[in-house]
Amino acid sequence: PGVRIDELNDVFKLLLAGPTAEERADGLATLVHTQEKNFS
């Protein structure tokens, strides 16, 4: 909530930031890694 994206490339930053501590405790993880920072 409250996150606004202005272009599709904003999504990669959100994925790289990963889940919150609460979401990790709920079993969520990101498999998108730092090498993906060059994605567009």
PDB file of all heavy atoms in Angstrom:
ATOM      1  N   PRO A   1       0.837  -1.200   0.000  1.00  0.00           N
ATOM      2  CA  PRO A   1       0.000   0.000   0.000  1.00  0.00           C
ATOM      3  C   PRO A   1       0.872   1.251   0.000  1.00  0.00           C
ATOM      4  O   PRO A   1       1.894   1.319   0.661  1.00  0.00           O
ATOM      5  CB  PRO A   1      -0.823  -0.112   1.285  1.00  0.00           C
ATOM      6  CG  PRO A   1      -0.141  -1.133   2.120  1.00  0.00           C
ATOM      7  CD  PRO A   1       0.702  -1.978   1.209  1.00  0.00           C
ATOM      8  N   GLY A   2       0.450   2.198  -0.759  1.00  0.00           N
ATOM      9  CA  GLY A   2       1.182   3.461  -0.812  1.00  0.00           C
ATOM     10  C   GLY A   2       2.369   3.460  -1.758  1.00  0.00           C
ATOM     11  O   GLY A   2       2.926   4.508  -2.043  1.00  0.00           O
ATOM     12  N   VAL A   3       2.777   2.279  -2.250  1.00  0.00           N
ATOM     13  CA  VAL A   3       3.892   2.232  -3.198  1.00  0.00           C
ATOM     14  C   VAL A   3       3.350   2.559  -4.572  1.00  0.00           C
ATOM     15  O   VAL A   3       2.395   1.950  -5.041  1.00  0.00           O
ATOM     16  CB  VAL A   3       4.572   0.839  -3.198  1.00  0.00           C
ATOM     17  CG1 VAL A   3       5.555   0.719  -4.342  1.00  0.00           C
ATOM     18  CG2 VAL A   3       5.255   0.590  -1.876  1.00  0.00           C
ATOM     19  N   ARG A   4       3.969   3.532  -5.190  1.00  0.00           N
ATOM     20  CA  ARG A   4       3.551   3.936  -6.533  1.00  0.00           C
ATOM     21  C   ARG A   4       4.694   3.646  -7.490  1.00  0.00           C
ATOM     22  O   ARG A   4       5.848   3.956  -7.197  1.00  0.00           O
ATOM     23  CB  ARG A   4       3.228   5.419  -6.540  1.00  0.00           C
ATOM     24  CG  ARG A   4       2.719   5.870  -7.877  1.00  0.00           C
ATOM     25  CD  ARG A   4       2.114   7.251  -7.814  1.00  0.00           C
ATOM     26  NE  ARG A   4       1.675   7.567  -9.151  1.00  0.00           N
ATOM     27  CZ  ARG A   4       2.094   8.609  -9.832  1.00  0.00           C
ATOM     28  NH1 ARG A   4       2.928   9.458  -9.291  1.00  0.00           N
ATOM     29  NH2 ARG A   4       1.671   8.819 -11.058  1.00  0.00           N
ATOM     30  N   ILE A   5       4.351   3.063  -8.605  1.00  0.00           N
ATOM     31  CA  ILE A   5       5.353   2.829  -9.634  1.00  0.00           C
ATOM     32  C   ILE A   5       5.036   3.721 -10.825  1.00  0.00           C
ATOM     33  O   ILE A   5       3.874   3.935 -11.160  1.00  0.00           O
ATOM     34  CB  ILE A   5       5.427   1.344 -10.049  1.00  0.00           C
ATOM     35  CG1 ILE A   5       4.066   0.844 -10.523  1.00  0.00           C
ATOM     36  CG2 ILE A   5       5.947   0.483  -8.909  1.00  0.00           C
ATOM     37  CD1 ILE A   5       4.117  -0.500 -11.174  1.00  0.00           C
ATOM     38  N   ASP A   6       6.075   4.269 -11.422  1.00  0.00           N
ATOM     39  CA  ASP A   6       5.906   5.154 -12.571  1.00  0.00           C
ATOM     40  C   ASP A   6       6.268   4.475 -13.876  1.00  0.00           C
ATOM     41  O   ASP A   6       5.923   4.959 -14.942  1.00  0.00           O
ATOM     42  CB  ASP A   6       6.757   6.416 -12.390  1.00  0.00           C
ATOM     43  CG  ASP A   6       6.296   7.238 -11.200  1.00  0.00           C
ATOM     44  OD1 ASP A   6       5.069   7.407 -11.042  1.00  0.00           O
ATOM     45  OD2 ASP A   6       7.152   7.696 -10.417  1.00  0.00           O
ATOM     46  N   GLU A   7       6.995   3.363 -13.772  1.00  0.00           N
ATOM     47  CA  GLU A   7       7.387   2.603 -14.963  1.00  0.00           C
ATOM     48  C   GLU A   7       7.646   1.163 -14.555  1.00  0.00           C
ATOM     49  O   GLU A   7       7.849   0.855 -13.375  1.00  0.00           O
ATOM     50  CB  GLU A   7       8.618   3.208 -15.624  1.00  0.00           C
ATOM     51  CG  GLU A   7       9.846   3.244 -14.713  1.00  0.00           C
ATOM     52  CD  GLU A   7      11.058   3.856 -15.395  1.00  0.00           C
ATOM     53  OE1 GLU A   7      10.972   4.995 -15.853  1.00  0.00           O
ATOM     54  OE2 GLU A   7      12.073   3.156 -15.462  1.00  0.00           O
ATOM     55  N   LEU A   8       7.645   0.276 -15.531  1.00  0.00           N
ATOM     56  CA  LEU A   8       7.837  -1.144 -15.250  1.00  0.00           C
ATOM     57  C   LEU A   8       9.164  -1.422 -14.550  1.00  0.00           C
ATOM     58  O   LEU A   8       9.252  -2.309 -13.702  1.00  0.00           O
ATOM     59  CB  LEU A   8       7.758  -1.959 -16.539  1.00  0.00           C
ATOM     60  CG  LEU A   8       6.374  -2.121 -17.149  1.00  0.00           C
ATOM     61  CD1 LEU A   8       6.477  -2.851 -18.477  1.00  0.00           C
ATOM     62  CD2 LEU A   8       5.442  -2.853 -16.217  1.00  0.00           C
ATOM     63  N   ASN A   9      10.202  -0.680 -14.868  1.00  0.00           N
ATOM     64  CA  ASN A   9      11.514  -0.946 -14.281  1.00  0.00           C
ATOM     65  C   ASN A   9      11.556  -0.709 -12.776  1.00  0.00           C
ATOM     66  O   ASN A   9      12.448  -1.225 -12.097  1.00  0.00           O
ATOM     67  CB  ASN A   9      12.589  -0.129 -14.999  1.00  0.00           C
ATOM     68  CG  ASN A   9      12.794  -0.614 -16.411  1.00  0.00           C
ATOM     69  OD1 ASN A   9      12.708  -1.808 -16.687  1.00  0.00           O
ATOM     70  ND2 ASN A   9      13.042   0.300 -17.326  1.00  0.00           N
ATOM     71  N   ASP A  10      10.596   0.018 -12.228  1.00  0.00           N
ATOM     72  CA  ASP A  10      10.530   0.204 -10.775  1.00  0.00           C
ATOM     73  C   ASP A  10      10.306  -1.112 -10.049  1.00  0.00           C
ATOM     74  O   ASP A  10      10.659  -1.267  -8.885  1.00  0.00           O
ATOM     75  CB  ASP A  10       9.403   1.179 -10.412  1.00  0.00           C
ATOM     76  CG  ASP A  10       9.664   2.599 -10.888  1.00  0.00           C
ATOM     77  OD1 ASP A  10      10.827   2.935 -11.205  1.00  0.00           O
ATOM     78  OD2 ASP A  10       8.682   3.374 -10.960  1.00  0.00           O
ATOM     79  N   VAL A  11       9.711  -2.072 -10.736  1.00  0.00           N
ATOM     80  CA  VAL A  11       9.392  -3.369 -10.140  1.00  0.00           C
ATOM     81  C   VAL A  11      10.650  -4.107  -9.691  1.00  0.00           C
ATOM     82  O   VAL A  11      10.661  -4.754  -8.645  1.00  0.00           O
ATOM     83  CB  VAL A  11       8.590  -4.226 -11.146  1.00  0.00           C
ATOM     84  CG1 VAL A  11       8.514  -5.673 -10.722  1.00  0.00           C
ATOM     85  CG2 VAL A  11       7.210  -3.644 -11.326  1.00  0.00           C
ATOM     86  N   PHE A  12      11.724  -3.985 -10.444  1.00  0.00           N
ATOM     87  CA  PHE A  12      12.941  -4.728 -10.106  1.00  0.00           C
ATOM     88  C   PHE A  12      13.497  -4.278  -8.760  1.00  0.00           C
ATOM     89  O   PHE A  12      13.967  -5.099  -7.971  1.00  0.00           O
ATOM     90  CB  PHE A  12      13.978  -4.602 -11.221  1.00  0.00           C
ATOM     91  CG  PHE A  12      13.487  -5.155 -12.531  1.00  0.00           C
ATOM     92  CD1 PHE A  12      13.231  -4.321 -13.602  1.00  0.00           C
ATOM     93  CD2 PHE A  12      13.246  -6.508 -12.679  1.00  0.00           C
ATOM     94  CE1 PHE A  12      12.753  -4.829 -14.804  1.00  0.00           C
ATOM     95  CE2 PHE A  12      12.767  -7.034 -13.872  1.00  0.00           C
ATOM     96  CZ  PHE A  12      12.523  -6.180 -14.930  1.00  0.00           C
ATOM     97  N   LYS A  13      13.430  -3.007  -8.456  1.00  0.00           N
ATOM     98  CA  LYS A  13      13.894  -2.507  -7.160  1.00  0.00           C
ATOM     99  C   LYS A  13      13.061  -3.097  -6.029  1.00  0.00           C
ATOM    100  O   LYS A  13      13.591  -3.463  -4.982  1.00  0.00           O
ATOM    101  CB  LYS A  13      13.824  -0.977  -7.125  1.00  0.00           C
ATOM    102  CG  LYS A  13      14.758  -0.296  -8.087  1.00  0.00           C
ATOM    103  CD  LYS A  13      14.512   1.199  -8.078  1.00  0.00           C
ATOM    104  CE  LYS A  13      15.173   1.823  -9.301  1.00  0.00           C
ATOM    105  NZ  LYS A  13      14.634   3.139  -9.591  1.00  0.00           N
ATOM    106  N   LEU A  14      11.754  -3.176  -6.252  1.00  0.00           N
ATOM    107  CA  LEU A  14      10.875  -3.739  -5.222  1.00  0.00           C
ATOM    108  C   LEU A  14      11.170  -5.217  -4.984  1.00  0.00           C
ATOM    109  O   LEU A  14      11.184  -5.682  -3.843  1.00  0.00           O
ATOM    110  CB  LEU A  14       9.416  -3.551  -5.624  1.00  0.00           C
ATOM    111  CG  LEU A  14       8.923  -2.102  -5.717  1.00  0.00           C
ATOM    112  CD1 LEU A  14       7.524  -2.047  -6.321  1.00  0.00           C
ATOM    113  CD2 LEU A  14       8.946  -1.440  -4.353  1.00  0.00           C
ATOM    114  N   LEU A  15      11.413  -5.948  -6.064  1.00  0.00           N
ATOM    115  CA  LEU A  15      11.739  -7.372  -5.913  1.00  0.00           C
ATOM    116  C   LEU A  15      13.083  -7.555  -5.211  1.00  0.00           C
ATOM    117  O   LEU A  15      13.235  -8.435  -4.360  1.00  0.00           O
ATOM    118  CB  LEU A  15      11.763  -8.055  -7.276  1.00  0.00           C
ATOM    119  CG  LEU A  15      10.406  -8.399  -7.865  1.00  0.00           C
ATOM    120  CD1 LEU A  15      10.541  -8.820  -9.320  1.00  0.00           C
ATOM    121  CD2 LEU A  15       9.730  -9.492  -7.060  1.00  0.00           C
ATOM    122  N   LEU A  16      14.060  -6.738  -5.579  1.00  0.00           N
ATOM    123  CA  LEU A  16      15.381  -6.858  -4.965  1.00  0.00           C
ATOM    124  C   LEU A  16      15.355  -6.506  -3.484  1.00  0.00           C
ATOM    125  O   LEU A  16      16.144  -7.034  -2.705  1.00  0.00           O
ATOM    126  CB  LEU A  16      16.400  -5.977  -5.700  1.00  0.00           C
ATOM    127  CG  LEU A  16      16.775  -6.458  -7.095  1.00  0.00           C
ATOM    128  CD1 LEU A  16      17.652  -5.431  -7.795  1.00  0.00           C
ATOM    129  CD2 LEU A  16      17.481  -7.798  -7.038  1.00  0.00           C
ATOM    130  N   ALA A  17      14.454  -5.612  -3.082  1.00  0.00           N
ATOM    131  CA  ALA A  17      14.339  -5.249  -1.664  1.00  0.00           C
ATOM    132  C   ALA A  17      13.871  -6.445  -0.837  1.00  0.00           C
ATOM    133  O   ALA A  17      14.169  -6.535   0.356  1.00  0.00           O
ATOM    134  CB  ALA A  17      13.374  -4.081  -1.493  1.00  0.00           C
ATOM    135  N   GLY A  18      13.164  -7.362  -1.463  1.00  0.00           N
ATOM    136  CA  GLY A  18      12.744  -8.589  -0.786  1.00  0.00           C
ATOM    137  C   GLY A  18      11.585  -8.388   0.157  1.00  0.00           C
ATOM    138  O   GLY A  18      11.070  -7.287   0.323  1.00  0.00           O
ATOM    139  N   PRO A  19      11.177  -9.486   0.787  1.00  0.00           N
ATOM    140  CA  PRO A  19      10.058  -9.428   1.730  1.00  0.00           C
ATOM    141  C   PRO A  19      10.463  -8.750   3.036  1.00  0.00           C
ATOM    142  O   PRO A  19      11.645  -8.716   3.393  1.00  0.00           O
ATOM    143  CB  PRO A  19       9.702 -10.901   1.951  1.00  0.00           C
ATOM    144  CG  PRO A  19      10.935 -11.651   1.608  1.00  0.00           C
ATOM    145  CD  PRO A  19      11.686 -10.838   0.593  1.00  0.00           C
ATOM    146  N   THR A  20       9.472  -8.242   3.745  1.00  0.00           N
ATOM    147  CA  THR A  20       9.713  -7.663   5.058  1.00  0.00           C
ATOM    148  C   THR A  20      10.053  -8.788   6.044  1.00  0.00           C
ATOM    149  O   THR A  20       9.864  -9.977   5.740  1.00  0.00           O
ATOM    150  CB  THR A  20       8.464  -6.916   5.565  1.00  0.00           C
ATOM    151  OG1 THR A  20       7.413  -7.875   5.757  1.00  0.00           O
ATOM    152  CG2 THR A  20       8.031  -5.820   4.605  1.00  0.00           C
ATOM    153  N   ALA A  21      10.501  -8.426   7.225  1.00  0.00           N
ATOM    154  CA  ALA A  21      10.821  -9.429   8.253  1.00  0.00           C
ATOM    155  C   ALA A  21       9.584 -10.271   8.577  1.00  0.00           C
ATOM    156  O   ALA A  21       9.674 -11.489   8.728  1.00  0.00           O
ATOM    157  CB  ALA A  21      11.351  -8.749   9.509  1.00  0.00           C
ATOM    158  N   GLU A  22       8.436  -9.629   8.654  1.00  0.00           N
ATOM    159  CA  GLU A  22       7.193 -10.352   8.943  1.00  0.00           C
ATOM    160  C   GLU A  22       6.860 -11.324   7.807  1.00  0.00           C
ATOM    161  O   GLU A  22       6.440 -12.453   8.052  1.00  0.00           O
ATOM    162  CB  GLU A  22       6.051  -9.361   9.135  1.00  0.00           C
ATOM    163  CG  GLU A  22       4.743  -9.999   9.545  1.00  0.00           C
ATOM    164  CD  GLU A  22       3.660  -8.953   9.782  1.00  0.00           C
ATOM    165  OE1 GLU A  22       3.877  -8.055  10.599  1.00  0.00           O
ATOM    166  OE2 GLU A  22       2.609  -9.076   9.122  1.00  0.00           O
ATOM    167  N   GLU A  23       7.051 -10.901   6.572  1.00  0.00           N
ATOM    168  CA  GLU A  23       6.781 -11.764   5.425  1.00  0.00           C
ATOM    169  C   GLU A  23       7.768 -12.929   5.368  1.00  0.00           C
ATOM    170  O   GLU A  23       7.383 -14.051   5.048  1.00  0.00           O
ATOM    171  CB  GLU A  23       6.830 -10.946   4.131  1.00  0.00           C
ATOM    172  CG  GLU A  23       5.685  -9.949   4.012  1.00  0.00           C
ATOM    173  CD  GLU A  23       5.912  -8.867   2.983  1.00  0.00           C
ATOM    174  OE1 GLU A  23       7.043  -8.718   2.470  1.00  0.00           O
ATOM    175  OE2 GLU A  23       4.944  -8.149   2.678  1.00  0.00           O
ATOM    176  N   ARG A  24       9.025 -12.678   5.721  1.00  0.00           N
ATOM    177  CA  ARG A  24      10.019 -13.772   5.779  1.00  0.00           C
ATOM    178  C   ARG A  24       9.627 -14.784   6.852  1.00  0.00           C
ATOM    179  O   ARG A  24       9.731 -15.987   6.646  1.00  0.00           O
ATOM    180  CB  ARG A  24      11.421 -13.222   6.039  1.00  0.00           C
ATOM    181  CG  ARG A  24      12.069 -12.612   4.819  1.00  0.00           C
ATOM    182  CD  ARG A  24      13.550 -12.327   5.028  1.00  0.00           C
ATOM    183  NE  ARG A  24      13.847 -11.516   6.196  1.00  0.00           N
ATOM    184  CZ  ARG A  24      13.846 -10.180   6.221  1.00  0.00           C
ATOM    185  NH1 ARG A  24      13.564  -9.502   5.127  1.00  0.00           N
ATOM    186  NH2 ARG A  24      14.131  -9.533   7.316  1.00  0.00           N
ATOM    187  N   ALA A  25       9.156 -14.286   7.995  1.00  0.00           N
ATOM    188  CA  ALA A  25       8.713 -15.180   9.067  1.00  0.00           C
ATOM    189  C   ALA A  25       7.507 -16.009   8.630  1.00  0.00           C
ATOM    190  O   ALA A  25       7.289 -17.106   9.136  1.00  0.00           O
ATOM    191  CB  ALA A  25       8.377 -14.370  10.321  1.00  0.00           C
ATOM    192  N   ASP A  26       6.750 -15.481   7.661  1.00  0.00           N
ATOM    193  CA  ASP A  26       5.585 -16.188   7.125  1.00  0.00           C
ATOM    194  C   ASP A  26       5.971 -17.131   5.982  1.00  0.00           C
ATOM    195  O   ASP A  26       5.112 -17.685   5.315  1.00  0.00           O
ATOM    196  CB  ASP A  26       4.551 -15.162   6.647  1.00  0.00           C
ATOM    197  CG  ASP A  26       3.168 -15.759   6.480  1.00  0.00           C
ATOM    198  OD1 ASP A  26       2.837 -16.748   7.173  1.00  0.00           O
ATOM    199  OD2 ASP A  26       2.411 -15.242   5.637  1.00  0.00           O
ATOM    200  N   GLY A  27       7.275 -17.294   5.735  1.00  0.00           N
ATOM    201  CA  GLY A  27       7.749 -18.260   4.746  1.00  0.00           C
ATOM    202  C   GLY A  27       7.988 -17.712   3.353  1.00  0.00           C
ATOM    203  O   GLY A  27       8.200 -18.481   2.418  1.00  0.00           O
ATOM    204  N   LEU A  28       7.973 -16.391   3.183  1.00  0.00           N
ATOM    205  CA  LEU A  28       8.201 -15.806   1.865  1.00  0.00           C
ATOM    206  C   LEU A  28       9.674 -15.470   1.656  1.00  0.00           C
ATOM    207  O   LEU A  28      10.378 -15.122   2.600  1.00  0.00           O
ATOM    208  CB  LEU A  28       7.353 -14.547   1.682  1.00  0.00           C
ATOM    209  CG  LEU A  28       5.846 -14.759   1.777  1.00  0.00           C
ATOM    210  CD1 LEU A  28       5.112 -13.445   1.590  1.00  0.00           C
ATOM    211  CD2 LEU A  28       5.382 -15.775   0.760  1.00  0.00           C
ATOM    212  N   ALA A  29      10.114 -15.569   0.419  1.00  0.00           N
ATOM    213  CA  ALA A  29      11.507 -15.265   0.076  1.00  0.00           C
ATOM    214  C   ALA A  29      11.543 -14.703  -1.333  1.00  0.00           C
ATOM    215  O   ALA A  29      10.615 -14.892  -2.120  1.00  0.00           O
ATOM    216  CB  ALA A  29      12.364 -16.527   0.153  1.00  0.00           C
ATOM    217  N   THR A  30      12.624 -14.025  -1.648  1.00  0.00           N
ATOM    218  CA  THR A  30      12.814 -13.595  -3.026  1.00  0.00           C
ATOM    219  C   THR A  30      13.910 -14.442  -3.648  1.00  0.00           C
ATOM    220  O   THR A  30      14.910 -14.750  -3.008  1.00  0.00           O
ATOM    221  CB  THR A  30      13.135 -12.091  -3.145  1.00  0.00           C
ATOM    222  OG1 THR A  30      13.145 -11.757  -4.529  1.00  0.00           O
ATOM    223  CG2 THR A  30      14.469 -11.732  -2.520  1.00  0.00           C
ATOM    224  N   LEU A  31      13.686 -14.849  -4.864  1.00  0.00           N
ATOM    225  CA  LEU A  31      14.686 -15.606  -5.605  1.00  0.00           C
ATOM    226  C   LEU A  31      15.277 -14.748  -6.719  1.00  0.00           C
ATOM    227  O   LEU A  31      16.054 -15.233  -7.527  1.00  0.00           O
ATOM    228  CB  LEU A  31      14.065 -16.885  -6.165  1.00  0.00           C
ATOM    229  CG  LEU A  31      13.478 -17.804  -5.097  1.00  0.00           C
ATOM    230  CD1 LEU A  31      12.796 -18.998  -5.732  1.00  0.00           C
ATOM    231  CD2 LEU A  31      14.558 -18.264  -4.125  1.00  0.00           C
ATOM    232  N   VAL A  32      14.883 -13.491  -6.741  1.00  0.00           N
ATOM    233  CA  VAL A  32      15.451 -12.520  -7.671  1.00  0.00           C
ATOM    234  C   VAL A  32      16.629 -11.896  -6.949  1.00  0.00           C
ATOM    235  O   VAL A  32      16.480 -11.336  -5.867  1.00  0.00           O
ATOM    236  CB  VAL A  32      14.397 -11.459  -8.064  1.00  0.00           C
ATOM    237  CG1 VAL A  32      14.994 -10.417  -8.974  1.00  0.00           C
ATOM    238  CG2 VAL A  32      13.212 -12.140  -8.729  1.00  0.00           C
ATOM    239  N   HIS A  33      17.815 -12.016  -7.541  1.00  0.00           N
ATOM    240  CA  HIS A  33      19.039 -11.624  -6.852  1.00  0.00           C
ATOM    241  C   HIS A  33      19.661 -10.379  -7.461  1.00  0.00           C
ATOM    242  O   HIS A  33      19.216  -9.868  -8.488  1.00  0.00           O
ATOM    243  CB  HIS A  33      20.029 -12.793  -6.873  1.00  0.00           C
ATOM    244  CG  HIS A  33      19.470 -14.015  -6.227  1.00  0.00           C
ATOM    245  ND1 HIS A  33      19.197 -14.101  -4.880  1.00  0.00           N
ATOM    246  CD2 HIS A  33      19.052 -15.188  -6.762  1.00  0.00           C
ATOM    247  CE1 HIS A  33      18.669 -15.276  -4.605  1.00  0.00           C
ATOM    248  NE2 HIS A  33      18.568 -15.959  -5.730  1.00  0.00           N
ATOM    249  N   THR A  34      20.745  -9.949  -6.855  1.00  0.00           N
ATOM    250  CA  THR A  34      21.358  -8.676  -7.234  1.00  0.00           C
ATOM    251  C   THR A  34      21.852  -8.652  -8.678  1.00  0.00           C
ATOM    252  O   THR A  34      21.938  -7.590  -9.269  1.00  0.00           O
ATOM    253  CB  THR A  34      22.533  -8.337  -6.293  1.00  0.00           C
ATOM    254  OG1 THR A  34      23.451  -9.422  -6.294  1.00  0.00           O
ATOM    255  CG2 THR A  34      22.033  -8.060  -4.901  1.00  0.00           C
ATOM    256  N   GLN A  35      22.171  -9.781  -9.272  1.00  0.00           N
ATOM    257  CA  GLN A  35      22.605  -9.750 -10.661  1.00  0.00           C
ATOM    258  C   GLN A  35      21.465  -9.303 -11.578  1.00  0.00           C
ATOM    259  O   GLN A  35      21.697  -8.875 -12.696  1.00  0.00           O
ATOM    260  CB  GLN A  35      23.192 -11.085 -11.131  1.00  0.00           C
ATOM    261  CG  GLN A  35      22.200 -12.209 -11.282  1.00  0.00           C
ATOM    262  CD  GLN A  35      22.142 -13.122 -10.067  1.00  0.00           C
ATOM    263  OE1 GLN A  35      22.473 -12.718  -8.962  1.00  0.00           O
ATOM    264  NE2 GLN A  35      21.703 -14.349 -10.269  1.00  0.00           N
ATOM    265  N   GLU A  36      20.237  -9.367 -11.071  1.00  0.00           N
ATOM    266  CA  GLU A  36      19.108  -8.936 -11.879  1.00  0.00           C
ATOM    267  C   GLU A  36      18.943  -7.421 -11.898  1.00  0.00           C
ATOM    268  O   GLU A  36      18.019  -6.905 -12.504  1.00  0.00           O
ATOM    269  CB  GLU A  36      17.813  -9.599 -11.400  1.00  0.00           C
ATOM    270  CG  GLU A  36      17.653 -11.013 -11.924  1.00  0.00           C
ATOM    271  CD  GLU A  36      18.118 -12.063 -10.940  1.00  0.00           C
ATOM    272  OE1 GLU A  36      18.136 -11.813  -9.728  1.00  0.00           O
ATOM    273  OE2 GLU A  36      18.479 -13.158 -11.393  1.00  0.00           O
ATOM    274  N   LYS A  37      19.841  -6.685 -11.251  1.00  0.00           N
ATOM    275  CA  LYS A  37      19.701  -5.229 -11.234  1.00  0.00           C
ATOM    276  C   LYS A  37      19.858  -4.629 -12.626  1.00  0.00           C
ATOM    277  O   LYS A  37      19.489  -3.481 -12.845  1.00  0.00           O
ATOM    278  CB  LYS A  37      20.680  -4.597 -10.252  1.00  0.00           C
ATOM    279  CG  LYS A  37      22.140  -4.762 -10.625  1.00  0.00           C
ATOM    280  CD  LYS A  37      23.032  -4.188  -9.557  1.00  0.00           C
ATOM    281  CE  LYS A  37      24.485  -4.493  -9.908  1.00  0.00           C
ATOM    282  NZ  LYS A  37      25.357  -4.155  -8.824  1.00  0.00           N
ATOM    283  N   ASN A  38      20.388  -5.386 -13.568  1.00  0.00           N
ATOM    284  CA  ASN A  38      20.520  -4.905 -14.939  1.00  0.00           C
ATOM    285  C   ASN A  38      19.329  -5.274 -15.813  1.00  0.00           C
ATOM    286  O   ASN A  38      19.354  -5.051 -17.010  1.00  0.00           O
ATOM    287  CB  ASN A  38      21.806  -5.447 -15.574  1.00  0.00           C
ATOM    288  CG  ASN A  38      23.030  -4.914 -14.872  1.00  0.00           C
ATOM    289  OD1 ASN A  38      23.070  -3.763 -14.467  1.00  0.00           O
ATOM    290  ND2 ASN A  38      24.029  -5.761 -14.715  1.00  0.00           N
ATOM    291  N   PHE A  39      18.300  -5.836 -15.221  1.00  0.00           N
ATOM    292  CA  PHE A  39      17.108  -6.189 -15.975  1.00  0.00           C
ATOM    293  C   PHE A  39      16.361  -4.918 -16.367  1.00  0.00           C
ATOM    294  O   PHE A  39      16.423  -3.891 -15.686  1.00  0.00           O
ATOM    295  CB  PHE A  39      16.168  -7.053 -15.135  1.00  0.00           C
ATOM    296  CG  PHE A  39      16.606  -8.481 -14.973  1.00  0.00           C
ATOM    297  CD1 PHE A  39      17.868  -8.917 -15.318  1.00  0.00           C
ATOM    298  CD2 PHE A  39      15.725  -9.405 -14.444  1.00  0.00           C
ATOM    299  CE1 PHE A  39      18.245 -10.241 -15.162  1.00  0.00           C
ATOM    300  CE2 PHE A  39      16.085 -10.729 -14.277  1.00  0.00           C
ATOM    301  CZ  PHE A  39      17.355 -11.134 -14.639  1.00  0.00           C
ATOM    302  N   SER A  40      15.615  -5.019 -17.452  1.00  0.00           N
ATOM    303  CA  SER A  40      14.726  -3.923 -17.853  1.00  0.00           C
ATOM    304  C   SER A  40      13.479  -4.548 -18.471  1.00  0.00           C
ATOM    305  O   SER A  40      13.492  -5.705 -18.885  1.00  0.00           O
ATOM    306  CB  SER A  40      15.414  -2.985 -18.838  1.00  0.00           C
ATOM    307  OG  SER A  40      15.730  -3.670 -20.036  1.00  0.00           O
TER     308      SER A  40
END
